[in-house]
C-alpha cells in the first residue's frame, strides 16, 4: 500500500522541476520576443490598406477619376487654374507686386521704410530696417515686414529664423488668403532647402490652394512631387494624389506663363536620359509631349510605361497604366 506521506516526501523534487520548467519557458519566451517585435514593426511600417487607409485610398481614387472625367469633357483646358481676377501671377511675382500692389494702403512713413530696406545692399541692415515695421498698426504692413524678413533670412540660409518669420507672418490676422499664400510658399522653400519633402509638399499645396495662379509655388511643388514619387514605400493614396497634382501643375504652368513651350520642357524634365524612371513620370511626359504638339515623342513616352513597372505601389501603377494605355490607343 502506498504511503500516505509519499507525495509530500516528493514535493521538494516537484517544486525544483517546476522551477526548471519555468526557467526554460522564460528563456524560450525571451528568445521569441525579438522575432515577435520585428514582425509587429514590419506590419506597422507597411502602407495601411484597411481602416483609415481604405478611406484615404477611396478619396484619392475619387479625385483621380474626377480629373480624367474633366479631361475627357474639356481637354487640356480642365487643367488651367481658376483665377479670381483677370490677372495671372507671373513667375517671380510676390505678395506686394503688380496687380496685388498694396502701396496705396500703406502710410507714407511705412512706405519710405520699406523703400529704404529694399535699397539696402546689406541683408543684416535690411533686417534691422524691417524689424520696427513688424509692430505697425496696419495688419498688411506687419505681414509684409515679417514676410520680407523671412525671404532675406532664407537667402542668407538662416533657415530657422526664416521659418519663424514666415510663421509669424501667417499668424497676422485680417490678411487676405491669396496674400498669405506667399508665406506658405516661403515655408515650402525652407522645407525644400532643409530636405524635408513632406513639409515642403504640404506648405506648397496650401500656397496653391490659397492662390491657384501662383506660378512659383506650382513650379517648386512639381520638383517636390517628382522627388517624392521617386522614393520607395509610399502608400497608394499618396501615389495617386502626387501623380494627379503633377498633372494639374503640368497643365497650369504653361497657362500661367502664357508659354506652351513649357509643356515640352516639363516633359523633358521627367524623361531622364531618354527613359522615365517610373510609370507616373512616363504618363506625365507623354501628356506634356502631346500638348506641346509632338505626337511621336508622346507615343514613345506612353509606350515606355510597360518597361517602367515595379517602382510604385501596384494599385497605383495599375491605374496609371490604364490611363497611359488609353491615351496611347484612343489618342495615339
Foldseek 3Di string as FASTA:
>chain_A
DDDPCVVVVCVVVVVVVVVVVVVVVVVVCVVCVVVVVVVVVVVVLAQDCDDVNVVLLVVLVVVLVVLVVQCVVPNLVSLADDAPDPAFQAPPDACQDDPNNDVVVDDPVLVVLQVVLVPDPDLVVSLVSLVVQCPDPDLVSNLVSLQVNLVSCVVVVVLVSSLVSLVSSVVRPDDQLLNNLSSLQSQLVSCVVVVNLVSNLVSLVSSCVSPVRHLVSLVVNLVSLVVVLQDPRDDLSSLSVSLSSNLSSLSHNCVSNVHLVVLQVQLVVQCPPNAGQALSNLQSNLVSCVSSPNNVSSLVSLVRNVVRPDRYPPVNSVVSNVVSVCCNPPVD
